[in-house]
Amino acid sequence: MKTLAIALLTALSVTLSGCGKSDQDLAPKKTDFGTGLNTVEKMYDATPIPLFEAVSNALKSYDLTMETDRHDDLGGEIVARRADGAKVTAKITARDEASSEVSIRVAPGNKNLAEMIHARIAEKVAGLEAK
């Protein structure tokens, strides 16, 4: 009986201690491990087809290597790689007849680079409207 009580107390203390991990050992809330926390989404006044061209050209302008480009009239996804191997994902979704949403994620969660890519996309979309 005494051995059972000691075993239960030991198990309880390990459980309550968080398996020995301190608050510093846990990942901070700002870290994006595939959660989409640092994904940047923006709306554009363009349908998916011309927007795919703008997004593709924006990614190529940063000298990214295009891996996949799957889309239809309602949206799709472009996946590219940076020189360091980091994955860049652009998802385009039609929201209505005249506008679409673009979601950019630069692995492993680099929000600043995603914002830079959106700025380049906005330039490309403005160029489409001027034509």
C-alpha atoms as a PDB file:
ATOM      1  CA  MET A   1       0.000   0.000   0.000  1.00  0.00           C
ATOM      2  CA  LYS A   2       2.842   2.349   0.865  1.00  0.00           C
ATOM      3  CA  THR A   3       4.512   1.614  -2.496  1.00  0.00           C
ATOM      4  CA  LEU A   4       1.269   2.394  -4.353  1.00  0.00           C
ATOM      5  CA  ALA A   5       0.907   5.728  -2.543  1.00  0.00           C
ATOM      6  CA  ILE A   6       4.519   6.682  -3.391  1.00  0.00           C
ATOM      7  CA  ALA A   7       3.994   5.729  -7.055  1.00  0.00           C
ATOM      8  CA  LEU A   8       0.799   7.793  -7.258  1.00  0.00           C
ATOM      9  CA  LEU A   9       2.469  10.812  -5.634  1.00  0.00           C
ATOM     10  CA  THR A  10       5.411  10.541  -8.039  1.00  0.00           C
ATOM     11  CA  ALA A  11       3.111  10.329 -11.063  1.00  0.00           C
ATOM     12  CA  LEU A  12       1.077  13.274  -9.796  1.00  0.00           C
ATOM     13  CA  SER A  13       4.151  15.431  -9.201  1.00  0.00           C
ATOM     14  CA  VAL A  14       5.509  14.696 -12.707  1.00  0.00           C
ATOM     15  CA  THR A  15       2.133  15.535 -14.250  1.00  0.00           C
ATOM     16  CA  LEU A  16       1.794  18.801 -12.348  1.00  0.00           C
ATOM     17  CA  SER A  17       5.359  19.844 -13.116  1.00  0.00           C
ATOM     18  CA  GLY A  18       4.715  19.708 -16.881  1.00  0.00           C
ATOM     19  CA  CYS A  19       7.228  16.939 -17.455  1.00  0.00           C
ATOM     20  CA  GLY A  20      10.081  19.163 -16.375  1.00  0.00           C
ATOM     21  CA  LYS A  21       9.532  21.940 -18.931  1.00  0.00           C
ATOM     22  CA  SER A  22       9.776  25.495 -17.702  1.00  0.00           C
ATOM     23  CA  ASP A  23       7.945  28.443 -19.280  1.00  0.00           C
ATOM     24  CA  GLN A  24      11.170  29.353 -21.094  1.00  0.00           C
ATOM     25  CA  ASP A  25      11.335  25.901 -22.762  1.00  0.00           C
ATOM     26  CA  LEU A  26       7.909  26.321 -24.344  1.00  0.00           C
ATOM     27  CA  ALA A  27       7.568  28.035 -27.724  1.00  0.00           C
ATOM     28  CA  PRO A  28       6.501  31.679 -27.525  1.00  0.00           C
ATOM     29  CA  LYS A  29       3.075  32.620 -28.853  1.00  0.00           C
ATOM     30  CA  LYS A  30       4.675  34.577 -31.735  1.00  0.00           C
ATOM     31  CA  THR A  31       6.208  31.423 -33.205  1.00  0.00           C
ATOM     32  CA  ASP A  32       4.318  29.902 -36.126  1.00  0.00           C
ATOM     33  CA  PHE A  33       4.784  26.153 -36.374  1.00  0.00           C
ATOM     34  CA  GLY A  34       2.324  25.591 -39.214  1.00  0.00           C
ATOM     35  CA  THR A  35      -0.538  27.280 -37.366  1.00  0.00           C
ATOM     36  CA  GLY A  36      -0.994  30.032 -39.931  1.00  0.00           C
ATOM     37  CA  LEU A  37      -0.384  32.641 -37.223  1.00  0.00           C
ATOM     38  CA  ASN A  38       1.846  34.676 -39.555  1.00  0.00           C
ATOM     39  CA  THR A  39      -0.218  34.222 -42.711  1.00  0.00           C
ATOM     40  CA  VAL A  40      -1.102  37.568 -44.286  1.00  0.00           C
ATOM     41  CA  GLU A  41      -4.445  37.843 -46.105  1.00  0.00           C
ATOM     42  CA  LYS A  42      -5.528  40.736 -48.329  1.00  0.00           C
ATOM     43  CA  MET A  43      -8.390  41.456 -50.700  1.00  0.00           C
ATOM     44  CA  TYR A  44      -7.799  42.617 -54.282  1.00  0.00           C
ATOM     45  CA  ASP A  45     -10.203  44.015 -56.879  1.00  0.00           C
ATOM     46  CA  ALA A  46      -9.422  41.305 -59.419  1.00  0.00           C
ATOM     47  CA  THR A  47     -10.769  37.895 -60.356  1.00  0.00           C
ATOM     48  CA  PRO A  48      -8.574  34.835 -59.694  1.00  0.00           C
ATOM     49  CA  ILE A  49      -7.287  34.333 -63.268  1.00  0.00           C
ATOM     50  CA  PRO A  50      -5.544  37.726 -63.709  1.00  0.00           C
ATOM     51  CA  LEU A  51      -4.615  37.670 -60.023  1.00  0.00           C
ATOM     52  CA  PHE A  52      -2.755  34.379 -60.507  1.00  0.00           C
ATOM     53  CA  GLU A  53      -0.609  36.072 -63.119  1.00  0.00           C
ATOM     54  CA  ALA A  54       0.084  38.986 -60.753  1.00  0.00           C
ATOM     55  CA  VAL A  55       0.931  36.686 -57.815  1.00  0.00           C
ATOM     56  CA  SER A  56       3.130  34.465 -59.973  1.00  0.00           C
ATOM     57  CA  ASN A  57       4.991  37.474 -61.382  1.00  0.00           C
ATOM     58  CA  ALA A  58       5.410  38.943 -57.881  1.00  0.00           C
ATOM     59  CA  LEU A  59       6.942  35.694 -56.598  1.00  0.00           C
ATOM     60  CA  LYS A  60       9.209  35.402 -59.648  1.00  0.00           C
ATOM     61  CA  SER A  61      10.330  39.020 -59.178  1.00  0.00           C
ATOM     62  CA  TYR A  62      11.876  37.915 -55.865  1.00  0.00           C
ATOM     63  CA  ASP A  63      13.712  35.148 -57.767  1.00  0.00           C
ATOM     64  CA  LEU A  64      11.748  32.370 -56.059  1.00  0.00           C
ATOM     65  CA  THR A  65      11.630  28.897 -57.603  1.00  0.00           C
ATOM     66  CA  MET A  66       8.100  27.952 -58.614  1.00  0.00           C
ATOM     67  CA  GLU A  67       7.101  24.437 -57.483  1.00  0.00           C
ATOM     68  CA  THR A  68       3.393  24.125 -58.144  1.00  0.00           C
ATOM     69  CA  ASP A  69       0.707  26.263 -59.735  1.00  0.00           C
ATOM     70  CA  ARG A  70      -2.773  24.753 -59.465  1.00  0.00           C
ATOM     71  CA  HIS A  71      -5.785  26.933 -60.093  1.00  0.00           C
ATOM     72  CA  ASP A  72      -9.118  27.323 -61.809  1.00  0.00           C
ATOM     73  CA  ASP A  73     -11.617  30.162 -62.253  1.00  0.00           C
ATOM     74  CA  LEU A  74     -12.484  30.105 -58.528  1.00  0.00           C
ATOM     75  CA  GLY A  75      -8.993  30.137 -57.045  1.00  0.00           C
ATOM     76  CA  GLY A  76      -6.114  27.853 -56.229  1.00  0.00           C
ATOM     77  CA  GLU A  77      -2.593  27.731 -54.864  1.00  0.00           C
ATOM     78  CA  ILE A  78       0.958  28.579 -55.897  1.00  0.00           C
ATOM     79  CA  VAL A  79       3.883  27.081 -53.979  1.00  0.00           C
ATOM     80  CA  ALA A  80       7.392  28.480 -54.396  1.00  0.00           C
ATOM     81  CA  ARG A  81      10.749  28.056 -52.610  1.00  0.00           C
ATOM     82  CA  ARG A  82      13.251  30.608 -51.429  1.00  0.00           C
ATOM     83  CA  ALA A  83      16.990  30.040 -51.984  1.00  0.00           C
ATOM     84  CA  ASP A  84      17.274  28.753 -48.396  1.00  0.00           C
ATOM     85  CA  GLY A  85      14.540  26.167 -49.067  1.00  0.00           C
ATOM     86  CA  ALA A  86      11.804  27.993 -47.126  1.00  0.00           C
ATOM     87  CA  LYS A  87       8.354  27.374 -48.590  1.00  0.00           C
ATOM     88  CA  VAL A  88       6.190  30.265 -49.786  1.00  0.00           C
ATOM     89  CA  THR A  89       2.494  29.482 -50.236  1.00  0.00           C
ATOM     90  CA  ALA A  90       0.044  31.787 -51.999  1.00  0.00           C
ATOM     91  CA  LYS A  91      -3.643  30.852 -51.880  1.00  0.00           C
ATOM     92  CA  ILE A  92      -6.120  32.749 -54.021  1.00  0.00           C
ATOM     93  CA  THR A  93      -9.866  32.542 -53.401  1.00  0.00           C
ATOM     94  CA  ALA A  94     -12.650  34.295 -55.299  1.00  0.00           C
ATOM     95  CA  ARG A  95     -14.884  36.243 -52.909  1.00  0.00           C
ATOM     96  CA  ASP A  96     -17.370  37.592 -55.434  1.00  0.00           C
ATOM     97  CA  GLU A  97     -17.557  38.333 -59.162  1.00  0.00           C
ATOM     98  CA  ALA A  98     -15.008  41.157 -59.005  1.00  0.00           C
ATOM     99  CA  SER A  99     -12.702  40.504 -56.035  1.00  0.00           C
ATOM    100  CA  SER A 100     -10.467  37.810 -54.595  1.00  0.00           C
ATOM    101  CA  GLU A 101      -8.542  37.157 -51.406  1.00  0.00           C
ATOM    102  CA  VAL A 102      -4.852  36.302 -51.453  1.00  0.00           C
ATOM    103  CA  SER A 103      -3.255  34.544 -48.501  1.00  0.00           C
ATOM    104  CA  ILE A 104       0.566  34.513 -48.299  1.00  0.00           C
ATOM    105  CA  ARG A 105       2.601  32.423 -45.865  1.00  0.00           C
ATOM    106  CA  VAL A 106       6.397  32.321 -45.825  1.00  0.00           C
ATOM    107  CA  ALA A 107       7.635  29.353 -43.782  1.00  0.00           C
ATOM    108  CA  PRO A 108       8.438  29.136 -40.951  1.00  0.00           C
ATOM    109  CA  GLY A 109       6.084  32.038 -40.332  1.00  0.00           C
ATOM    110  CA  ASN A 110       7.870  35.163 -41.596  1.00  0.00           C
ATOM    111  CA  LYS A 111       5.143  37.799 -41.574  1.00  0.00           C
ATOM    112  CA  ASN A 112       7.433  40.609 -42.782  1.00  0.00           C
ATOM    113  CA  LEU A 113       8.332  38.772 -45.995  1.00  0.00           C
ATOM    114  CA  ALA A 114       4.653  37.945 -46.573  1.00  0.00           C
ATOM    115  CA  GLU A 115       3.866  41.672 -46.293  1.00  0.00           C
ATOM    116  CA  MET A 116       6.645  42.468 -48.807  1.00  0.00           C
ATOM    117  CA  ILE A 117       5.190  39.956 -51.257  1.00  0.00           C
ATOM    118  CA  HIS A 118       1.725  41.508 -50.847  1.00  0.00           C
ATOM    119  CA  ALA A 119       3.189  44.944 -51.610  1.00  0.00           C
ATOM    120  CA  ARG A 120       4.660  43.563 -54.845  1.00  0.00           C
ATOM    121  CA  ILE A 121       1.332  41.886 -55.699  1.00  0.00           C
ATOM    122  CA  ALA A 122      -0.443  45.230 -55.210  1.00  0.00           C
ATOM    123  CA  GLU A 123       2.010  46.813 -57.685  1.00  0.00           C
ATOM    124  CA  LYS A 124       1.332  44.058 -60.217  1.00  0.00           C
ATOM    125  CA  VAL A 125      -2.458  44.347 -59.780  1.00  0.00           C
ATOM    126  CA  ALA A 126      -2.232  48.109 -60.301  1.00  0.00           C
ATOM    127  CA  GLY A 127      -0.347  47.388 -63.541  1.00  0.00           C
ATOM    128  CA  LEU A 128      -3.161  45.059 -64.670  1.00  0.00           C
ATOM    129  CA  GLU A 129      -5.742  47.803 -64.091  1.00  0.00           C
ATOM    130  CA  ALA A 130      -3.681  50.334 -66.051  1.00  0.00           C
ATOM    131  CA  LYS A 131      -3.638  48.137 -69.177  1.00  0.00           C
END
